[in-house]
Amino acid sequence: MNYRLNSAQPYALGLFRIVTGLLFTCHGVSKLFGVLGGETTDPISWPGGIASLIELVCGVLVMIGLGTRAASFLASGSMAYAYFSVHQSMGLWPIENSGESAAMYCWAFLLLTFTGSGAFGLDRLIGRGDSTAAADKSDRTEADLTPA
């Protein structure tokens, strides 16, 4: 059973990345364009407008799997900032300060920062994904991998 689950891991990670990126993109679209039940925000206002631009751009990049690690890192930091600057002042726990989505996005994007895009990402098609890094690592000797 573990073998089957492990062999499906890149695909599950790819689907997780796509769904998370899509949902994050929807947040940016709703704030920037006033659709999907959102109110428009000036894109150059601080912090709401800049956050909505980050949500839109990083959400699309994560969704398509292009520059996933960098986009996820920026999105994770954005959500950490949102949690601590907006939600934390209303209560200690995310359930009492309405910060669940900011906290979940922060941790989800941090996970993608460390795992990469998984399957179905453009990173893999252009040769910048985890598959090339694994191939490069397999060509190294043990001395090359030992920290100095």
C-alpha atoms as a PDB file:
ATOM      1  CA  MET A   1       0.000   0.000   0.000  1.00  0.00           C
ATOM      2  CA  ASN A   2       2.819   2.419   0.834  1.00  0.00           C
ATOM      3  CA  TYR A   3       4.391   1.827  -2.571  1.00  0.00           C
ATOM      4  CA  ARG A   4       1.161   2.741  -4.369  1.00  0.00           C
ATOM      5  CA  LEU A   5       0.689   5.858  -2.266  1.00  0.00           C
ATOM      6  CA  ASN A   6       4.321   6.886  -2.731  1.00  0.00           C
ATOM      7  CA  SER A   7       4.132   6.400  -6.489  1.00  0.00           C
ATOM      8  CA  ALA A   8       1.057   8.650  -6.624  1.00  0.00           C
ATOM      9  CA  GLN A   9       2.674  11.353  -4.504  1.00  0.00           C
ATOM     10  CA  PRO A  10       3.823  13.649  -7.376  1.00  0.00           C
ATOM     11  CA  TYR A  11       0.319  13.566  -8.866  1.00  0.00           C
ATOM     12  CA  ALA A  12      -1.386  14.301  -5.539  1.00  0.00           C
ATOM     13  CA  LEU A  13       1.074  17.129  -4.948  1.00  0.00           C
ATOM     14  CA  GLY A  14       0.413  18.483  -8.436  1.00  0.00           C
ATOM     15  CA  LEU A  15      -3.348  18.462  -7.865  1.00  0.00           C
ATOM     16  CA  PHE A  16      -2.872  20.091  -4.450  1.00  0.00           C
ATOM     17  CA  ARG A  17      -0.774  22.814  -6.098  1.00  0.00           C
ATOM     18  CA  ILE A  18      -3.349  23.416  -8.848  1.00  0.00           C
ATOM     19  CA  VAL A  19      -6.318  23.666  -6.469  1.00  0.00           C
ATOM     20  CA  THR A  20      -4.457  25.842  -3.961  1.00  0.00           C
ATOM     21  CA  GLY A  21      -3.246  28.157  -6.735  1.00  0.00           C
ATOM     22  CA  LEU A  22      -6.726  28.383  -8.251  1.00  0.00           C
ATOM     23  CA  LEU A  23      -8.358  29.270  -4.936  1.00  0.00           C
ATOM     24  CA  PHE A  24      -5.656  31.851  -4.187  1.00  0.00           C
ATOM     25  CA  THR A  25      -6.102  33.345  -7.664  1.00  0.00           C
ATOM     26  CA  CYS A  26      -9.834  33.681  -6.986  1.00  0.00           C
ATOM     27  CA  HIS A  27      -9.043  35.799  -3.907  1.00  0.00           C
ATOM     28  CA  GLY A  28      -6.925  38.159  -6.000  1.00  0.00           C
ATOM     29  CA  VAL A  29      -9.467  38.352  -8.824  1.00  0.00           C
ATOM     30  CA  SER A  30     -12.307  39.112  -6.414  1.00  0.00           C
ATOM     31  CA  LYS A  31     -10.370  41.954  -4.774  1.00  0.00           C
ATOM     32  CA  LEU A  32      -8.960  43.466  -7.959  1.00  0.00           C
ATOM     33  CA  PHE A  33     -12.006  43.216 -10.213  1.00  0.00           C
ATOM     34  CA  GLY A  34     -14.911  43.104  -7.753  1.00  0.00           C
ATOM     35  CA  VAL A  35     -16.216  39.776  -9.015  1.00  0.00           C
ATOM     36  CA  LEU A  36     -17.013  36.557  -7.131  1.00  0.00           C
ATOM     37  CA  GLY A  37     -18.594  38.550  -4.313  1.00  0.00           C
ATOM     38  CA  GLY A  38     -15.597  40.797  -3.678  1.00  0.00           C
ATOM     39  CA  GLU A  39     -15.168  44.542  -3.539  1.00  0.00           C
ATOM     40  CA  THR A  40     -12.598  46.283  -5.710  1.00  0.00           C
ATOM     41  CA  THR A  41      -9.324  47.386  -4.206  1.00  0.00           C
ATOM     42  CA  ASP A  42      -6.881  49.908  -5.620  1.00  0.00           C
ATOM     43  CA  PRO A  43      -3.981  47.724  -6.850  1.00  0.00           C
ATOM     44  CA  ILE A  44      -1.322  50.127  -5.608  1.00  0.00           C
ATOM     45  CA  SER A  45      -2.735  50.666  -2.109  1.00  0.00           C
ATOM     46  CA  TRP A  46      -0.871  49.248   0.862  1.00  0.00           C
ATOM     47  CA  PRO A  47      -1.390  46.546   2.053  1.00  0.00           C
ATOM     48  CA  GLY A  48      -4.696  45.459   0.472  1.00  0.00           C
ATOM     49  CA  GLY A  49      -3.940  46.277  -3.151  1.00  0.00           C
ATOM     50  CA  ILE A  50      -0.437  44.846  -3.088  1.00  0.00           C
ATOM     51  CA  ALA A  51      -1.761  41.720  -1.356  1.00  0.00           C
ATOM     52  CA  SER A  52      -4.400  41.276  -4.056  1.00  0.00           C
ATOM     53  CA  LEU A  53      -1.719  41.571  -6.772  1.00  0.00           C
ATOM     54  CA  ILE A  54       0.378  38.965  -4.962  1.00  0.00           C
ATOM     55  CA  GLU A  55      -2.692  36.707  -4.697  1.00  0.00           C
ATOM     56  CA  LEU A  56      -3.408  37.029  -8.413  1.00  0.00           C
ATOM     57  CA  VAL A  57       0.141  36.700  -9.785  1.00  0.00           C
ATOM     58  CA  CYS A  58       1.450  34.109  -7.329  1.00  0.00           C
ATOM     59  CA  GLY A  59      -1.821  32.179  -7.503  1.00  0.00           C
ATOM     60  CA  VAL A  60      -1.565  31.877 -11.287  1.00  0.00           C
ATOM     61  CA  LEU A  61       2.145  30.953 -11.149  1.00  0.00           C
ATOM     62  CA  VAL A  62       1.509  28.283  -8.516  1.00  0.00           C
ATOM     63  CA  MET A  63      -1.535  26.980 -10.378  1.00  0.00           C
ATOM     64  CA  ILE A  64       0.377  26.491 -13.644  1.00  0.00           C
ATOM     65  CA  GLY A  65       3.503  25.325 -11.830  1.00  0.00           C
ATOM     66  CA  LEU A  66       5.882  27.985 -13.133  1.00  0.00           C
ATOM     67  CA  GLY A  67       8.388  29.283 -10.595  1.00  0.00           C
ATOM     68  CA  THR A  68       6.433  27.395  -7.969  1.00  0.00           C
ATOM     69  CA  ARG A  69       8.968  27.611  -5.160  1.00  0.00           C
ATOM     70  CA  ALA A  70       9.565  31.372  -5.471  1.00  0.00           C
ATOM     71  CA  ALA A  71       5.872  32.185  -5.960  1.00  0.00           C
ATOM     72  CA  SER A  72       4.912  29.948  -3.023  1.00  0.00           C
ATOM     73  CA  PHE A  73       7.515  31.571  -0.797  1.00  0.00           C
ATOM     74  CA  LEU A  74       6.183  35.055  -1.596  1.00  0.00           C
ATOM     75  CA  ALA A  75       2.565  33.934  -1.153  1.00  0.00           C
ATOM     76  CA  SER A  76       3.388  32.255   2.172  1.00  0.00           C
ATOM     77  CA  GLY A  77       5.039  35.407   3.479  1.00  0.00           C
ATOM     78  CA  SER A  78       2.100  37.480   2.302  1.00  0.00           C
ATOM     79  CA  MET A  79      -0.329  35.283   4.207  1.00  0.00           C
ATOM     80  CA  ALA A  80       1.855  35.297   7.333  1.00  0.00           C
ATOM     81  CA  TYR A  81       1.861  39.103   7.178  1.00  0.00           C
ATOM     82  CA  ALA A  82      -1.918  39.125   6.696  1.00  0.00           C
ATOM     83  CA  TYR A  83      -2.427  36.839   9.673  1.00  0.00           C
ATOM     84  CA  PHE A  84      -0.196  38.714  12.091  1.00  0.00           C
ATOM     85  CA  SER A  85      -1.078  42.248  10.988  1.00  0.00           C
ATOM     86  CA  VAL A  86      -4.835  41.857  10.460  1.00  0.00           C
ATOM     87  CA  HIS A  87      -6.156  38.810  12.302  1.00  0.00           C
ATOM     88  CA  GLN A  88      -3.897  38.330  15.337  1.00  0.00           C
ATOM     89  CA  SER A  89      -5.088  41.556  16.984  1.00  0.00           C
ATOM     90  CA  MET A  90      -8.651  40.151  17.149  1.00  0.00           C
ATOM     91  CA  GLY A  91      -7.759  37.056  19.156  1.00  0.00           C
ATOM     92  CA  LEU A  92      -5.108  34.437  19.815  1.00  0.00           C
ATOM     93  CA  TRP A  93      -6.485  31.510  17.815  1.00  0.00           C
ATOM     94  CA  PRO A  94      -7.376  31.529  14.102  1.00  0.00           C
ATOM     95  CA  ILE A  95     -10.854  30.203  14.871  1.00  0.00           C
ATOM     96  CA  GLU A  96     -11.630  33.258  17.015  1.00  0.00           C
ATOM     97  CA  ASN A  97      -9.976  35.908  14.792  1.00  0.00           C
ATOM     98  CA  SER A  98     -11.251  34.670  11.366  1.00  0.00           C
ATOM     99  CA  GLY A  99      -7.698  33.988  10.264  1.00  0.00           C
ATOM    100  CA  GLU A 100      -8.101  30.322   9.305  1.00  0.00           C
ATOM    101  CA  SER A 101      -7.716  30.901   5.581  1.00  0.00           C
ATOM    102  CA  ALA A 102      -4.645  33.111   6.008  1.00  0.00           C
ATOM    103  CA  ALA A 103      -3.030  30.521   8.285  1.00  0.00           C
ATOM    104  CA  MET A 104      -3.898  27.600   5.990  1.00  0.00           C
ATOM    105  CA  TYR A 105      -2.645  29.400   2.872  1.00  0.00           C
ATOM    106  CA  CYS A 106       0.550  30.358   4.696  1.00  0.00           C
ATOM    107  CA  TRP A 107       1.325  26.751   5.617  1.00  0.00           C
ATOM    108  CA  ALA A 108       0.141  25.308   2.285  1.00  0.00           C
ATOM    109  CA  PHE A 109       2.415  27.641   0.340  1.00  0.00           C
ATOM    110  CA  LEU A 110       5.296  26.977   2.724  1.00  0.00           C
ATOM    111  CA  LEU A 111       4.845  23.268   2.015  1.00  0.00           C
ATOM    112  CA  LEU A 112       4.955  23.936  -1.745  1.00  0.00           C
ATOM    113  CA  THR A 113       8.097  26.022  -1.245  1.00  0.00           C
ATOM    114  CA  PHE A 114       9.874  22.938   0.082  1.00  0.00           C
ATOM    115  CA  THR A 115       8.272  20.248  -2.084  1.00  0.00           C
ATOM    116  CA  GLY A 116       8.170  21.962  -5.460  1.00  0.00           C
ATOM    117  CA  SER A 117       5.491  21.702  -8.091  1.00  0.00           C
ATOM    118  CA  GLY A 118       4.868  17.966  -8.266  1.00  0.00           C
ATOM    119  CA  ALA A 119       3.330  16.615 -11.463  1.00  0.00           C
ATOM    120  CA  PHE A 120       1.568  18.655 -14.143  1.00  0.00           C
ATOM    121  CA  GLY A 121       3.721  21.768 -13.659  1.00  0.00           C
ATOM    122  CA  LEU A 122       5.357  23.872 -16.345  1.00  0.00           C
ATOM    123  CA  ASP A 123       8.581  23.799 -14.297  1.00  0.00           C
ATOM    124  CA  ARG A 124       9.038  20.179 -15.332  1.00  0.00           C
ATOM    125  CA  LEU A 125       8.339  20.886 -19.003  1.00  0.00           C
ATOM    126  CA  ILE A 126      11.012  23.551 -19.268  1.00  0.00           C
ATOM    127  CA  GLY A 127      13.558  21.557 -17.281  1.00  0.00           C
ATOM    128  CA  ARG A 128      13.592  23.545 -14.053  1.00  0.00           C
ATOM    129  CA  GLY A 129      11.511  21.181 -11.935  1.00  0.00           C
ATOM    130  CA  ASP A 130      12.419  18.594  -9.337  1.00  0.00           C
ATOM    131  CA  SER A 131      13.140  15.897 -11.928  1.00  0.00           C
ATOM    132  CA  THR A 132      16.246  17.695 -13.209  1.00  0.00           C
ATOM    133  CA  ALA A 133      17.426  18.416  -9.690  1.00  0.00           C
ATOM    134  CA  ALA A 134      17.105  14.713  -8.837  1.00  0.00           C
ATOM    135  CA  ALA A 135      19.068  13.750 -11.944  1.00  0.00           C
ATOM    136  CA  ASP A 136      21.821  16.248 -11.104  1.00  0.00           C
ATOM    137  CA  LYS A 137      22.024  14.963  -7.545  1.00  0.00           C
ATOM    138  CA  SER A 138      22.344  11.330  -8.681  1.00  0.00           C
ATOM    139  CA  ASP A 139      25.436  12.201 -10.738  1.00  0.00           C
ATOM    140  CA  ARG A 140      27.271  13.631  -7.737  1.00  0.00           C
ATOM    141  CA  THR A 141      29.600  11.648  -5.536  1.00  0.00           C
ATOM    142  CA  GLU A 142      29.205  11.282  -1.793  1.00  0.00           C
ATOM    143  CA  ALA A 143      32.022  13.801  -1.271  1.00  0.00           C
ATOM    144  CA  ASP A 144      30.118  16.379  -3.311  1.00  0.00           C
ATOM    145  CA  LEU A 145      27.018  15.954  -1.138  1.00  0.00           C
ATOM    146  CA  THR A 146      28.843  16.132   2.209  1.00  0.00           C
ATOM    147  CA  PRO A 147      28.553  19.581   3.811  1.00  0.00           C
ATOM    148  CA  ALA A 148      31.829  21.381   4.393  1.00  0.00           C
END
